[in-house]
Amino acid sequence: MTDSGASPQEYLAGLDFPVSREDLIRWCQENGATTEQLQAVRALPVEQFSSPAELTEALRTEW
């Protein structure tokens, strides 16, 4: 996650669903998310994401 211009979909590869917001934060940290990306994930109102599509939609407004 070193390229801050990358889309959320690029970061979803290899992520197992369902995923909790806390697990997503940890996954992003381990994969080099920027501070801004981590803040966006922390700000997500949903606690659990059941699919990549659901997560992508939530991140679309935050990323």
PDB file of N, CA and C in Angstrom:
ATOM      1  N   MET A   1       0.819  -1.198   0.000  1.00  0.00           N
ATOM      2  CA  MET A   1       0.000   0.000   0.000  1.00  0.00           C
ATOM      3  C   MET A   1       0.856   1.253   0.000  1.00  0.00           C
ATOM      4  N   THR A   2       1.907   1.219  -0.685  1.00  0.00           N
ATOM      5  CA  THR A   2       2.783   2.377  -0.670  1.00  0.00           C
ATOM      6  C   THR A   2       2.375   3.430  -1.680  1.00  0.00           C
ATOM      7  N   ASP A   3       1.591   3.109  -2.661  1.00  0.00           N
ATOM      8  CA  ASP A   3       1.147   4.061  -3.662  1.00  0.00           C
ATOM      9  C   ASP A   3      -0.168   4.673  -3.226  1.00  0.00           C
ATOM     10  N   SER A   4      -0.137   5.918  -2.803  1.00  0.00           N
ATOM     11  CA  SER A   4      -1.339   6.553  -2.280  1.00  0.00           C
ATOM     12  C   SER A   4      -2.390   6.804  -3.351  1.00  0.00           C
ATOM     13  N   GLY A   5      -2.032   6.684  -4.633  1.00  0.00           N
ATOM     14  CA  GLY A   5      -2.991   6.896  -5.699  1.00  0.00           C
ATOM     15  C   GLY A   5      -3.731   5.639  -6.110  1.00  0.00           C
ATOM     16  N   ALA A   6      -3.433   4.527  -5.482  1.00  0.00           N
ATOM     17  CA  ALA A   6      -4.054   3.260  -5.856  1.00  0.00           C
ATOM     18  C   ALA A   6      -5.499   3.206  -5.362  1.00  0.00           C
ATOM     19  N   SER A   7      -6.297   2.428  -6.078  1.00  0.00           N
ATOM     20  CA  SER A   7      -7.705   2.304  -5.728  1.00  0.00           C
ATOM     21  C   SER A   7      -7.900   1.241  -4.646  1.00  0.00           C
ATOM     22  N   PRO A   8      -9.042   1.294  -3.950  1.00  0.00           N
ATOM     23  CA  PRO A   8      -9.322   0.290  -2.924  1.00  0.00           C
ATOM     24  C   PRO A   8      -9.271  -1.141  -3.471  1.00  0.00           C
ATOM     25  N   GLN A   9      -9.724  -1.344  -4.705  1.00  0.00           N
ATOM     26  CA  GLN A   9      -9.746  -2.683  -5.269  1.00  0.00           C
ATOM     27  C   GLN A   9      -8.348  -3.299  -5.313  1.00  0.00           C
ATOM     28  N   GLU A  10      -7.341  -2.479  -5.531  1.00  0.00           N
ATOM     29  CA  GLU A  10      -5.978  -2.983  -5.596  1.00  0.00           C
ATOM     30  C   GLU A  10      -5.521  -3.526  -4.250  1.00  0.00           C
ATOM     31  N   TYR A  11      -6.108  -3.056  -3.175  1.00  0.00           N
ATOM     32  CA  TYR A  11      -5.719  -3.484  -1.848  1.00  0.00           C
ATOM     33  C   TYR A  11      -6.543  -4.652  -1.329  1.00  0.00           C
ATOM     34  N   LEU A  12      -7.587  -5.020  -2.046  1.00  0.00           N
ATOM     35  CA  LEU A  12      -8.466  -6.089  -1.577  1.00  0.00           C
ATOM     36  C   LEU A  12      -7.963  -7.478  -1.934  1.00  0.00           C
ATOM     37  N   ALA A  13      -7.044  -7.571  -2.885  1.00  0.00           N
ATOM     38  CA  ALA A  13      -6.529  -8.875  -3.297  1.00  0.00           C
ATOM     39  C   ALA A  13      -5.920  -9.594  -2.092  1.00  0.00           C
ATOM     40  N   GLY A  14      -6.391 -10.796  -1.858  1.00  0.00           N
ATOM     41  CA  GLY A  14      -5.870 -11.591  -0.763  1.00  0.00           C
ATOM     42  C   GLY A  14      -6.578 -11.398   0.564  1.00  0.00           C
ATOM     43  N   LEU A  15      -7.504 -10.485   0.638  1.00  0.00           N
ATOM     44  CA  LEU A  15      -8.244 -10.228   1.868  1.00  0.00           C
ATOM     45  C   LEU A  15      -9.422 -11.188   1.958  1.00  0.00           C
ATOM     46  N   ASP A  16      -9.528 -11.887   3.076  1.00  0.00           N
ATOM     47  CA  ASP A  16     -10.619 -12.852   3.274  1.00  0.00           C
ATOM     48  C   ASP A  16     -11.852 -12.162   3.855  1.00  0.00           C
ATOM     49  N   PHE A  17     -13.010 -12.534   3.315  1.00  0.00           N
ATOM     50  CA  PHE A  17     -14.283 -11.995   3.778  1.00  0.00           C
ATOM     51  C   PHE A  17     -15.106 -13.090   4.407  1.00  0.00           C
ATOM     52  N   PRO A  18     -15.946 -12.766   5.374  1.00  0.00           N
ATOM     53  CA  PRO A  18     -16.176 -11.431   5.925  1.00  0.00           C
ATOM     54  C   PRO A  18     -14.957 -10.950   6.703  1.00  0.00           C
ATOM     55  N   VAL A  19     -14.861  -9.609   6.801  1.00  0.00           N
ATOM     56  CA  VAL A  19     -13.754  -8.999   7.521  1.00  0.00           C
ATOM     57  C   VAL A  19     -14.300  -7.888   8.414  1.00  0.00           C
ATOM     58  N   SER A  20     -13.788  -7.837   9.624  1.00  0.00           N
ATOM     59  CA  SER A  20     -14.200  -6.767  10.537  1.00  0.00           C
ATOM     60  C   SER A  20     -13.382  -5.519  10.238  1.00  0.00           C
ATOM     61  N   ARG A  21     -13.882  -4.393  10.678  1.00  0.00           N
ATOM     62  CA  ARG A  21     -13.141  -3.144  10.485  1.00  0.00           C
ATOM     63  C   ARG A  21     -11.784  -3.226  11.184  1.00  0.00           C
ATOM     64  N   GLU A  22     -11.735  -3.796  12.382  1.00  0.00           N
ATOM     65  CA  GLU A  22     -10.469  -3.915  13.113  1.00  0.00           C
ATOM     66  C   GLU A  22      -9.466  -4.790  12.371  1.00  0.00           C
ATOM     67  N   ASP A  23      -9.938  -5.901  11.802  1.00  0.00           N
ATOM     68  CA  ASP A  23      -9.042  -6.760  11.016  1.00  0.00           C
ATOM     69  C   ASP A  23      -8.596  -6.048   9.743  1.00  0.00           C
ATOM     70  N   LEU A  24      -9.481  -5.264   9.156  1.00  0.00           N
ATOM     71  CA  LEU A  24      -9.136  -4.497   7.967  1.00  0.00           C
ATOM     72  C   LEU A  24      -8.064  -3.455   8.290  1.00  0.00           C
ATOM     73  N   ILE A  25      -8.202  -2.782   9.407  1.00  0.00           N
ATOM     74  CA  ILE A  25      -7.194  -1.802   9.832  1.00  0.00           C
ATOM     75  C   ILE A  25      -5.842  -2.492   9.992  1.00  0.00           C
ATOM     76  N   ARG A  26      -5.834  -3.617  10.661  1.00  0.00           N
ATOM     77  CA  ARG A  26      -4.593  -4.364  10.872  1.00  0.00           C
ATOM     78  C   ARG A  26      -3.990  -4.802   9.532  1.00  0.00           C
ATOM     79  N   TRP A  27      -4.826  -5.275   8.615  1.00  0.00           N
ATOM     80  CA  TRP A  27      -4.368  -5.718   7.299  1.00  0.00           C
ATOM     81  C   TRP A  27      -3.760  -4.547   6.521  1.00  0.00           C
ATOM     82  N   CYS A  28      -4.413  -3.398   6.596  1.00  0.00           N
ATOM     83  CA  CYS A  28      -3.901  -2.215   5.906  1.00  0.00           C
ATOM     84  C   CYS A  28      -2.551  -1.784   6.477  1.00  0.00           C
ATOM     85  N   GLN A  29      -2.430  -1.805   7.790  1.00  0.00           N
ATOM     86  CA  GLN A  29      -1.166  -1.442   8.427  1.00  0.00           C
ATOM     87  C   GLN A  29      -0.048  -2.375   7.970  1.00  0.00           C
ATOM     88  N   GLU A  30      -0.333  -3.656   7.916  1.00  0.00           N
ATOM     89  CA  GLU A  30       0.673  -4.641   7.516  1.00  0.00           C
ATOM     90  C   GLU A  30       1.055  -4.513   6.046  1.00  0.00           C
ATOM     91  N   ASN A  31       0.196  -3.888   5.252  1.00  0.00           N
ATOM     92  CA  ASN A  31       0.450  -3.762   3.822  1.00  0.00           C
ATOM     93  C   ASN A  31       0.817  -2.345   3.400  1.00  0.00           C
ATOM     94  N   GLY A  32       1.221  -1.516   4.350  1.00  0.00           N
ATOM     95  CA  GLY A  32       1.789  -0.209   4.034  1.00  0.00           C
ATOM     96  C   GLY A  32       0.808   0.884   3.673  1.00  0.00           C
ATOM     97  N   ALA A  33      -0.393   0.855   4.218  1.00  0.00           N
ATOM     98  CA  ALA A  33      -1.364   1.916   3.936  1.00  0.00           C
ATOM     99  C   ALA A  33      -0.814   3.261   4.397  1.00  0.00           C
ATOM    100  N   THR A  34      -1.203   4.290   3.695  1.00  0.00           N
ATOM    101  CA  THR A  34      -0.823   5.641   4.094  1.00  0.00           C
ATOM    102  C   THR A  34      -1.634   6.049   5.319  1.00  0.00           C
ATOM    103  N   THR A  35      -1.206   7.092   5.973  1.00  0.00           N
ATOM    104  CA  THR A  35      -1.931   7.614   7.130  1.00  0.00           C
ATOM    105  C   THR A  35      -3.355   7.993   6.736  1.00  0.00           C
ATOM    106  N   GLU A  36      -3.506   8.611   5.572  1.00  0.00           N
ATOM    107  CA  GLU A  36      -4.825   9.025   5.106  1.00  0.00           C
ATOM    108  C   GLU A  36      -5.723   7.814   4.856  1.00  0.00           C
ATOM    109  N   GLN A  37      -5.166   6.746   4.281  1.00  0.00           N
ATOM    110  CA  GLN A  37      -5.951   5.547   4.025  1.00  0.00           C
ATOM    111  C   GLN A  37      -6.380   4.893   5.336  1.00  0.00           C
ATOM    112  N   LEU A  38      -5.476   4.836   6.299  1.00  0.00           N
ATOM    113  CA  LEU A  38      -5.830   4.267   7.596  1.00  0.00           C
ATOM    114  C   LEU A  38      -6.916   5.084   8.282  1.00  0.00           C
ATOM    115  N   GLN A  39      -6.826   6.399   8.183  1.00  0.00           N
ATOM    116  CA  GLN A  39      -7.862   7.249   8.769  1.00  0.00           C
ATOM    117  C   GLN A  39      -9.208   6.983   8.106  1.00  0.00           C
ATOM    118  N   ALA A  40      -9.203   6.784   6.786  1.00  0.00           N
ATOM    119  CA  ALA A  40     -10.449   6.509   6.069  1.00  0.00           C
ATOM    120  C   ALA A  40     -11.059   5.189   6.523  1.00  0.00           C
ATOM    121  N   VAL A  41     -10.227   4.167   6.706  1.00  0.00           N
ATOM    122  CA  VAL A  41     -10.733   2.874   7.163  1.00  0.00           C
ATOM    123  C   VAL A  41     -11.275   2.986   8.586  1.00  0.00           C
ATOM    124  N   ARG A  42     -10.569   3.688   9.433  1.00  0.00           N
ATOM    125  CA  ARG A  42     -11.028   3.869  10.822  1.00  0.00           C
ATOM    126  C   ARG A  42     -12.351   4.624  10.888  1.00  0.00           C
ATOM    127  N   ALA A  43     -12.607   5.475   9.907  1.00  0.00           N
ATOM    128  CA  ALA A  43     -13.824   6.291   9.891  1.00  0.00           C
ATOM    129  C   ALA A  43     -15.035   5.555   9.320  1.00  0.00           C
ATOM    130  N   LEU A  44     -14.830   4.364   8.782  1.00  0.00           N
ATOM    131  CA  LEU A  44     -15.953   3.633   8.193  1.00  0.00           C
ATOM    132  C   LEU A  44     -17.017   3.334   9.254  1.00  0.00           C
ATOM    133  N   PRO A  45     -18.275   3.570   8.933  1.00  0.00           N
ATOM    134  CA  PRO A  45     -19.349   3.365   9.911  1.00  0.00           C
ATOM    135  C   PRO A  45     -19.711   1.896  10.114  1.00  0.00           C
ATOM    136  N   VAL A  46     -19.316   1.038   9.200  1.00  0.00           N
ATOM    137  CA  VAL A  46     -19.677  -0.373   9.261  1.00  0.00           C
ATOM    138  C   VAL A  46     -18.630  -1.143  10.049  1.00  0.00           C
ATOM    139  N   GLU A  47     -19.089  -2.033  10.928  1.00  0.00           N
ATOM    140  CA  GLU A  47     -18.179  -2.831  11.757  1.00  0.00           C
ATOM    141  C   GLU A  47     -17.702  -4.097  11.048  1.00  0.00           C
ATOM    142  N   GLN A  48     -18.490  -4.612  10.104  1.00  0.00           N
ATOM    143  CA  GLN A  48     -18.169  -5.873   9.423  1.00  0.00           C
ATOM    144  C   GLN A  48     -18.557  -5.753   7.957  1.00  0.00           C
ATOM    145  N   PHE A  49     -17.690  -6.265   7.090  1.00  0.00           N
ATOM    146  CA  PHE A  49     -17.940  -6.242   5.652  1.00  0.00           C
ATOM    147  C   PHE A  49     -18.036  -7.678   5.167  1.00  0.00           C
ATOM    148  N   SER A  50     -19.117  -7.998   4.456  1.00  0.00           N
ATOM    149  CA  SER A  50     -19.342  -9.378   4.041  1.00  0.00           C
ATOM    150  C   SER A  50     -18.779  -9.697   2.663  1.00  0.00           C
ATOM    151  N   SER A  51     -18.443  -8.656   1.879  1.00  0.00           N
ATOM    152  CA  SER A  51     -17.947  -8.909   0.523  1.00  0.00           C
ATOM    153  C   SER A  51     -17.032  -7.775   0.063  1.00  0.00           C
ATOM    154  N   PRO A  52     -16.211  -8.051  -0.947  1.00  0.00           N
ATOM    155  CA  PRO A  52     -15.378  -6.982  -1.511  1.00  0.00           C
ATOM    156  C   PRO A  52     -16.219  -5.815  -2.041  1.00  0.00           C
ATOM    157  N   ALA A  53     -17.362  -6.128  -2.635  1.00  0.00           N
ATOM    158  CA  ALA A  53     -18.223  -5.074  -3.181  1.00  0.00           C
ATOM    159  C   ALA A  53     -18.722  -4.146  -2.077  1.00  0.00           C
ATOM    160  N   GLU A  54     -19.106  -4.717  -0.945  1.00  0.00           N
ATOM    161  CA  GLU A  54     -19.592  -3.906   0.176  1.00  0.00           C
ATOM    162  C   GLU A  54     -18.476  -2.993   0.709  1.00  0.00           C
ATOM    163  N   LEU A  55     -17.296  -3.541   0.837  1.00  0.00           N
ATOM    164  CA  LEU A  55     -16.158  -2.748   1.316  1.00  0.00           C
ATOM    165  C   LEU A  55     -15.775  -1.665   0.316  1.00  0.00           C
ATOM    166  N   THR A  56     -15.734  -2.016  -0.949  1.00  0.00           N
ATOM    167  CA  THR A  56     -15.388  -1.048  -1.994  1.00  0.00           C
ATOM    168  C   THR A  56     -16.369   0.116  -1.987  1.00  0.00           C
ATOM    169  N   GLU A  57     -17.648  -0.179  -1.846  1.00  0.00           N
ATOM    170  CA  GLU A  57     -18.665   0.884  -1.820  1.00  0.00           C
ATOM    171  C   GLU A  57     -18.458   1.792  -0.613  1.00  0.00           C
ATOM    172  N   ALA A  58     -18.162   1.208   0.534  1.00  0.00           N
ATOM    173  CA  ALA A  58     -17.931   2.020   1.739  1.00  0.00           C
ATOM    174  C   ALA A  58     -16.683   2.882   1.582  1.00  0.00           C
ATOM    175  N   LEU A  59     -15.653   2.332   0.976  1.00  0.00           N
ATOM    176  CA  LEU A  59     -14.391   3.071   0.809  1.00  0.00           C
ATOM    177  C   LEU A  59     -14.491   4.141  -0.280  1.00  0.00           C
ATOM    178  N   ARG A  60     -15.409   3.949  -1.213  1.00  0.00           N
ATOM    179  CA  ARG A  60     -15.541   4.889  -2.332  1.00  0.00           C
ATOM    180  C   ARG A  60     -15.742   6.329  -1.818  1.00  0.00           C
ATOM    181  N   THR A  61     -16.466   6.465  -0.736  1.00  0.00           N
ATOM    182  CA  THR A  61     -16.734   7.805  -0.201  1.00  0.00           C
ATOM    183  C   THR A  61     -15.613   8.298   0.713  1.00  0.00           C
ATOM    184  N   GLU A  62     -14.780   7.372   1.210  1.00  0.00           N
ATOM    185  CA  GLU A  62     -13.746   7.735   2.174  1.00  0.00           C
ATOM    186  C   GLU A  62     -12.347   7.783   1.568  1.00  0.00           C
ATOM    187  N   TRP A  63     -12.059   6.942   0.581  1.00  0.00           N
ATOM    188  CA  TRP A  63     -10.697   6.730   0.096  1.00  0.00           C
ATOM    189  C   TRP A  63     -10.171   7.924  -0.634  1.00  0.00           C
TER     190      TRP A  63
END
